[in-house]
C-alpha atoms as a PDB file:
ATOM      1  CA  MET A   1     -38.675  61.569 -10.864  1.00  0.00           C
ATOM      2  CA  SER A   2     -41.806  59.372  -9.910  1.00  0.00           C
ATOM      3  CA  THR A   3     -42.692  57.122  -6.541  1.00  0.00           C
ATOM      4  CA  ARG A   4     -42.705  54.017  -9.234  1.00  0.00           C
ATOM      5  CA  ASN A   5     -39.344  54.888 -10.904  1.00  0.00           C
ATOM      6  CA  LEU A   6     -37.589  55.593  -7.700  1.00  0.00           C
ATOM      7  CA  ALA A   7     -38.215  52.121  -6.200  1.00  0.00           C
ATOM      8  CA  PHE A   8     -37.349  50.475  -9.242  1.00  0.00           C
ATOM      9  CA  LEU A   9     -33.753  52.377  -9.237  1.00  0.00           C
ATOM     10  CA  ILE A  10     -33.974  51.782  -5.388  1.00  0.00           C
ATOM     11  CA  LEU A  11     -34.516  48.002  -6.410  1.00  0.00           C
ATOM     12  CA  ALA A  12     -31.874  47.717  -9.038  1.00  0.00           C
ATOM     13  CA  LEU A  13     -29.104  49.436  -6.620  1.00  0.00           C
ATOM     14  CA  ALA A  14     -29.521  47.057  -4.544  1.00  0.00           C
ATOM     15  CA  VAL A  15     -29.735  43.671  -6.356  1.00  0.00           C
ATOM     16  CA  ALA A  16     -26.115  45.064  -7.859  1.00  0.00           C
ATOM     17  CA  VAL A  17     -24.927  45.285  -3.997  1.00  0.00           C
ATOM     18  CA  GLY A  18     -26.171  42.389  -3.524  1.00  0.00           C
ATOM     19  CA  LEU A  19     -24.314  40.670  -6.613  1.00  0.00           C
ATOM     20  CA  TYR A  20     -21.099  42.749  -6.307  1.00  0.00           C
ATOM     21  CA  SER A  21     -21.410  41.347  -2.211  1.00  0.00           C
ATOM     22  CA  TYR A  22     -21.628  37.940  -3.494  1.00  0.00           C
ATOM     23  CA  TYR A  23     -19.426  37.542  -6.682  1.00  0.00           C
ATOM     24  CA  GLY A  24     -16.934  40.484  -6.035  1.00  0.00           C
ATOM     25  CA  ARG A  25     -15.653  39.286  -3.279  1.00  0.00           C
ATOM     26  CA  SER A  26     -14.946  35.761  -4.260  1.00  0.00           C
ATOM     27  CA  LEU A  27     -13.099  36.931  -7.699  1.00  0.00           C
ATOM     28  CA  THR A  28     -10.669  39.372  -5.643  1.00  0.00           C
ATOM     29  CA  ALA A  29     -10.428  38.244  -2.376  1.00  0.00           C
ATOM     30  CA  PRO A  30      -6.739  36.746  -1.567  1.00  0.00           C
ATOM     31  CA  LYS A  31      -5.830  33.113  -2.225  1.00  0.00           C
ATOM     32  CA  THR A  32      -4.360  31.551   0.887  1.00  0.00           C
ATOM     33  CA  GLU A  33      -2.275  28.382   0.488  1.00  0.00           C
ATOM     34  CA  ASN A  34      -1.682  25.663   2.549  1.00  0.00           C
ATOM     35  CA  PRO A  35       1.871  25.338   3.053  1.00  0.00           C
ATOM     36  CA  THR A  36       1.821  21.735   4.131  1.00  0.00           C
ATOM     37  CA  ALA A  37      -0.298  20.401   1.326  1.00  0.00           C
ATOM     38  CA  THR A  38       3.213  20.949  -1.029  1.00  0.00           C
ATOM     39  CA  SER A  39       5.590  20.460   2.114  1.00  0.00           C
ATOM     40  CA  THR A  40       7.521  17.256   2.659  1.00  0.00           C
ATOM     41  CA  PRO A  41       5.755  14.781   4.635  1.00  0.00           C
ATOM     42  CA  GLN A  42       6.812  14.427   8.322  1.00  0.00           C
ATOM     43  CA  VAL A  43       8.949  10.938   8.580  1.00  0.00           C
ATOM     44  CA  ASN A  44      10.454   8.883  11.469  1.00  0.00           C
ATOM     45  CA  THR A  45      14.114   7.353  11.420  1.00  0.00           C
ATOM     46  CA  TYR A  46      14.191   3.939  12.421  1.00  0.00           C
ATOM     47  CA  ARG A  47      17.803   2.438  13.579  1.00  0.00           C
ATOM     48  CA  ASN A  48      18.304  -0.446  14.668  1.00  0.00           C
ATOM     49  CA  GLU A  49      22.231  -1.187  15.898  1.00  0.00           C
ATOM     50  CA  THR A  50      21.987  -5.090  16.347  1.00  0.00           C
ATOM     51  CA  TYR A  51      21.092  -5.784  12.827  1.00  0.00           C
ATOM     52  CA  GLY A  52      23.293  -2.764  11.174  1.00  0.00           C
ATOM     53  CA  ILE A  53      20.257  -0.974   9.301  1.00  0.00           C
ATOM     54  CA  ALA A  54      18.362   2.448   9.367  1.00  0.00           C
ATOM     55  CA  PHE A  55      15.505   4.344   7.262  1.00  0.00           C
ATOM     56  CA  THR A  56      12.882   6.873   7.426  1.00  0.00           C
ATOM     57  CA  TYR A  57       9.304   6.214   6.632  1.00  0.00           C
ATOM     58  CA  PRO A  58       6.438   8.232   6.906  1.00  0.00           C
ATOM     59  CA  THR A  59       4.885   9.397  10.581  1.00  0.00           C
ATOM     60  CA  THR A  60       1.320   8.292   8.889  1.00  0.00           C
ATOM     61  CA  TYR A  61       2.667   4.989   9.006  1.00  0.00           C
ATOM     62  CA  ALA A  62       2.919   2.657  12.885  1.00  0.00           C
ATOM     63  CA  LEU A  63       5.686   0.480  13.030  1.00  0.00           C
ATOM     64  CA  GLU A  64       5.974  -2.873  14.785  1.00  0.00           C
ATOM     65  CA  GLU A  65       8.559  -5.308  15.341  1.00  0.00           C
ATOM     66  CA  ALA A  66       9.067  -8.546  17.029  1.00  0.00           C
ATOM     67  CA  GLU A  67      10.970 -11.661  16.925  1.00  0.00           C
ATOM     68  CA  ARG A  68       9.967 -14.246  14.698  1.00  0.00           C
ATOM     69  CA  GLY A  69      11.958 -16.998  14.807  1.00  0.00           C
ATOM     70  CA  ASN A  70      12.820 -19.815  17.019  1.00  0.00           C
ATOM     71  CA  GLY A  71      15.095 -21.285  19.275  1.00  0.00           C
ATOM     72  CA  GLU A  72      17.113 -22.433  16.413  1.00  0.00           C
ATOM     73  CA  ARG A  73      17.398 -19.758  13.979  1.00  0.00           C
ATOM     74  CA  ALA A  74      16.200 -16.213  14.441  1.00  0.00           C
ATOM     75  CA  HIS A  75      14.150 -14.432  12.042  1.00  0.00           C
ATOM     76  CA  TYR A  76      13.238 -10.425  13.146  1.00  0.00           C
ATOM     77  CA  ALA A  77      10.295  -8.968  11.536  1.00  0.00           C
ATOM     78  CA  ILE A  78       9.755  -5.093  10.890  1.00  0.00           C
ATOM     79  CA  VAL A  79       6.250  -4.226   9.754  1.00  0.00           C
ATOM     80  CA  LEU A  80       5.164  -0.724   8.518  1.00  0.00           C
ATOM     81  CA  THR A  81       1.371  -0.252   8.465  1.00  0.00           C
ATOM     82  CA  LYS A  82      -0.602   2.905   7.538  1.00  0.00           C
ATOM     83  CA  LYS A  83      -2.500   4.246  10.635  1.00  0.00           C
ATOM     84  CA  THR A  84      -5.877   4.629   8.814  1.00  0.00           C
ATOM     85  CA  ASP A  85      -5.723   0.938   8.110  1.00  0.00           C
ATOM     86  CA  LEU A  86      -5.007  -0.458  12.285  1.00  0.00           C
ATOM     87  CA  PRO A  87      -6.532  -1.622  13.950  1.00  0.00           C
ATOM     88  CA  PRO A  88      -7.327  -4.309  11.398  1.00  0.00           C
ATOM     89  CA  PRO A  89     -10.516  -5.853  10.589  1.00  0.00           C
ATOM     90  CA  ALA A  90     -11.766  -8.629  13.117  1.00  0.00           C
ATOM     91  CA  ASN A  91     -11.695 -12.278  11.396  1.00  0.00           C
ATOM     92  CA  GLY A  92     -10.790 -10.380   7.996  1.00  0.00           C
ATOM     93  CA  GLU A  93      -7.513 -10.252   6.287  1.00  0.00           C
ATOM     94  CA  GLY A  94      -4.740  -7.722   7.184  1.00  0.00           C
ATOM     95  CA  PRO A  95      -4.116  -4.570   5.465  1.00  0.00           C
ATOM     96  CA  THR A  96      -1.417  -3.852   3.036  1.00  0.00           C
ATOM     97  CA  GLY A  97       1.967  -2.433   3.948  1.00  0.00           C
ATOM     98  CA  ILE A  98       5.702  -3.034   4.133  1.00  0.00           C
ATOM     99  CA  SER A  99       7.528  -5.934   5.621  1.00  0.00           C
ATOM    100  CA  ILE A 100      11.265  -6.304   6.606  1.00  0.00           C
ATOM    101  CA  ASP A 101      12.070  -9.151   7.201  1.00  0.00           C
ATOM    102  CA  ILE A 102      15.599 -10.306   8.811  1.00  0.00           C
ATOM    103  CA  TYR A 103      16.570 -14.424   8.462  1.00  0.00           C
ATOM    104  CA  GLN A 104      19.525 -15.553  10.789  1.00  0.00           C
ATOM    105  CA  ASN A 105      22.156 -17.007   7.411  1.00  0.00           C
ATOM    106  CA  ASN A 106      25.032 -17.964   9.213  1.00  0.00           C
ATOM    107  CA  LEU A 107      24.371 -21.658   9.712  1.00  0.00           C
ATOM    108  CA  ASP A 108      23.427 -21.999   6.108  1.00  0.00           C
ATOM    109  CA  THR A 109      25.453 -19.606   4.590  1.00  0.00           C
ATOM    110  CA  GLN A 110      22.724 -19.488   1.500  1.00  0.00           C
ATOM    111  CA  THR A 111      23.318 -17.049  -1.241  1.00  0.00           C
ATOM    112  CA  LEU A 112      20.823 -14.824  -2.363  1.00  0.00           C
ATOM    113  CA  ILE A 113      19.938 -17.048  -5.585  1.00  0.00           C
ATOM    114  CA  GLY A 114      19.735 -20.240  -3.180  1.00  0.00           C
ATOM    115  CA  TRP A 115      17.511 -18.545  -0.587  1.00  0.00           C
ATOM    116  CA  LEU A 116      15.508 -17.197  -3.401  1.00  0.00           C
ATOM    117  CA  THR A 117      14.774 -20.205  -5.125  1.00  0.00           C
ATOM    118  CA  GLY A 118      14.766 -22.774  -2.175  1.00  0.00           C
ATOM    119  CA  ASN A 119      12.924 -21.253   0.443  1.00  0.00           C
ATOM    120  CA  SER A 120       9.375 -20.666   0.969  1.00  0.00           C
ATOM    121  CA  ALA A 121      10.044 -17.860   3.100  1.00  0.00           C
ATOM    122  CA  SER A 122      11.309 -15.709  -0.494  1.00  0.00           C
ATOM    123  CA  ASN A 123       7.439 -16.159  -1.994  1.00  0.00           C
ATOM    124  CA  PHE A 124       9.156 -16.496  -5.571  1.00  0.00           C
ATOM    125  CA  LYS A 125       7.617 -19.534  -6.037  1.00  0.00           C
ATOM    126  CA  LEU A 126       4.519 -17.426  -6.125  1.00  0.00           C
ATOM    127  CA  SER A 127       6.088 -15.114  -8.945  1.00  0.00           C
ATOM    128  CA  PRO A 128       3.852 -14.889 -12.183  1.00  0.00           C
ATOM    129  CA  ASP A 129       6.694 -14.891 -14.282  1.00  0.00           C
ATOM    130  CA  GLY A 130       9.780 -16.616 -12.276  1.00  0.00           C
ATOM    131  CA  THR A 131      12.164 -14.043 -12.602  1.00  0.00           C
ATOM    132  CA  TYR A 132      14.069 -11.807 -11.093  1.00  0.00           C
ATOM    133  CA  THR A 133      16.475  -8.746 -11.640  1.00  0.00           C
ATOM    134  CA  THR A 134      19.732  -7.165  -9.981  1.00  0.00           C
ATOM    135  CA  ALA A 135      19.328  -4.311  -7.775  1.00  0.00           C
ATOM    136  CA  SER A 136      20.995  -2.733  -4.994  1.00  0.00           C
ATOM    137  CA  VAL A 137      20.111  -1.443  -1.517  1.00  0.00           C
ATOM    138  CA  ASP A 138      22.583   1.002   0.163  1.00  0.00           C
ATOM    139  CA  GLY A 139      25.423  -0.208  -2.724  1.00  0.00           C
ATOM    140  CA  ARG A 140      24.917  -3.777  -1.881  1.00  0.00           C
ATOM    141  CA  GLU A 141      24.089  -6.343  -4.528  1.00  0.00           C
ATOM    142  CA  ALA A 142      20.203  -7.446  -4.272  1.00  0.00           C
ATOM    143  CA  ILE A 143      17.585  -8.821  -6.416  1.00  0.00           C
ATOM    144  CA  ALA A 144      14.571  -7.645  -7.063  1.00  0.00           C
ATOM    145  CA  TYR A 145      11.193  -9.850  -7.686  1.00  0.00           C
ATOM    146  CA  ARG A 146       7.438  -9.647  -7.936  1.00  0.00           C
ATOM    147  CA  TRP A 147       4.931 -12.140  -6.328  1.00  0.00           C
ATOM    148  CA  SER A 148       1.469 -12.293  -6.015  1.00  0.00           C
ATOM    149  CA  GLY A 149      -0.764 -14.213  -3.272  1.00  0.00           C
ATOM    150  CA  LEU A 150      -3.159 -12.362  -1.272  1.00  0.00           C
ATOM    151  CA  TYR A 151      -1.932  -9.327  -2.111  1.00  0.00           C
ATOM    152  CA  GLU A 152       0.669  -8.451  -4.924  1.00  0.00           C
ATOM    153  CA  ALA A 153       3.957  -7.859  -4.089  1.00  0.00           C
ATOM    154  CA  ASP A 154       7.285  -6.068  -4.863  1.00  0.00           C
ATOM    155  CA  ASN A 155      10.152  -7.690  -3.100  1.00  0.00           C
ATOM    156  CA  ILE A 156      13.873  -6.992  -2.800  1.00  0.00           C
ATOM    157  CA  ALA A 157      16.306  -8.760  -0.804  1.00  0.00           C
ATOM    158  CA  PHE A 158      20.332  -9.157  -0.114  1.00  0.00           C
ATOM    159  CA  LEU A 159      22.644 -10.057   2.394  1.00  0.00           C
ATOM    160  CA  HIS A 160      23.481  -8.162   5.168  1.00  0.00           C
ATOM    161  CA  ARG A 161      25.600  -8.958   8.640  1.00  0.00           C
ATOM    162  CA  ASN A 162      24.809 -12.968   8.308  1.00  0.00           C
ATOM    163  CA  ASN A 163      21.507 -12.359   7.539  1.00  0.00           C
ATOM    164  CA  ILE A 164      19.412 -12.760   4.567  1.00  0.00           C
ATOM    165  CA  ILE A 165      16.920  -9.344   4.825  1.00  0.00           C
ATOM    166  CA  SER A 166      13.951  -9.251   2.467  1.00  0.00           C
ATOM    167  CA  ILE A 167      11.911  -6.370   2.311  1.00  0.00           C
ATOM    168  CA  ALA A 168       8.335  -6.732   0.308  1.00  0.00           C
ATOM    169  CA  ALA A 169       5.585  -3.902  -0.307  1.00  0.00           C
ATOM    170  CA  THR A 170       2.596  -5.539  -0.536  1.00  0.00           C
ATOM    171  CA  TYR A 171      -0.194  -3.573  -2.628  1.00  0.00           C
ATOM    172  CA  ILE A 172      -3.680  -3.687  -4.883  1.00  0.00           C
ATOM    173  CA  THR A 173      -3.169  -1.525  -7.011  1.00  0.00           C
ATOM    174  CA  PRO A 174       0.149  -0.324  -8.449  1.00  0.00           C
ATOM    175  CA  ASP A 175      -0.578   3.564  -7.528  1.00  0.00           C
ATOM    176  CA  ASP A 176      -1.124   2.038  -3.809  1.00  0.00           C
ATOM    177  CA  ASP A 177       0.573   4.361  -1.207  1.00  0.00           C
ATOM    178  CA  SER A 178       2.843   1.522   0.394  1.00  0.00           C
ATOM    179  CA  LEU A 179       4.554   1.076  -3.122  1.00  0.00           C
ATOM    180  CA  ARG A 180       5.420   4.677  -2.722  1.00  0.00           C
ATOM    181  CA  VAL A 181       6.840   4.521   1.052  1.00  0.00           C
ATOM    182  CA  TYR A 182       8.604   1.019  -0.040  1.00  0.00           C
ATOM    183  CA  ARG A 183      10.494   3.481  -2.494  1.00  0.00           C
ATOM    184  CA  GLY A 184      11.323   5.798  -0.092  1.00  0.00           C
ATOM    185  CA  LEU A 185      12.511   3.293   2.813  1.00  0.00           C
ATOM    186  CA  LEU A 186      14.417   1.648  -0.178  1.00  0.00           C
ATOM    187  CA  ASP A 187      15.989   5.320  -1.236  1.00  0.00           C
ATOM    188  CA  SER A 188      16.848   6.017   2.689  1.00  0.00           C
ATOM    189  CA  MET A 189      18.245   2.662   3.646  1.00  0.00           C
ATOM    190  CA  GLU A 190      21.664   2.391   5.156  1.00  0.00           C
ATOM    191  CA  LEU A 191      23.395  -0.612   6.323  1.00  0.00           C
ATOM    192  CA  TYR A 192      26.286  -0.266   8.328  1.00  0.00           C
END
């Protein structure tokens, strides 16, 4: 065998080994799966004995709560915001999220429809078509509607323990994460 043929054979063998090393391993290497990618997301449980509500929400959301009423009428607010949207921008609009507003109702004893159509806190006047549907939350009669303001919103309201509880999810597009969290919160809602 000539030196030239031997050099060509060595070069061809080196190229073959190099190609196998590059492509062969990537084709035969075992695939690793990320078990957390398909697993159920981590959740927190919120429970409020005063108002008799409990629900779960993802750990990717922050929860803030505060009394927003005055000495004449209570209004307790619970707000869920995606942690990646915090802090809100300075001098800008707040992020989308879920708000649970608990309005004292033992003074006026409003009906759901009376509150919906007669109280500006319902935002029903911002409804594009002025309609609502009946629904339920943990077996309680509720009304569901949509409204459109700075953001779009899906809203549900119901009576519980001398209060009107209004739960709204604000979003920009129908595939926003806040709607998924809103539905999960409603599915997990426990009223006692």
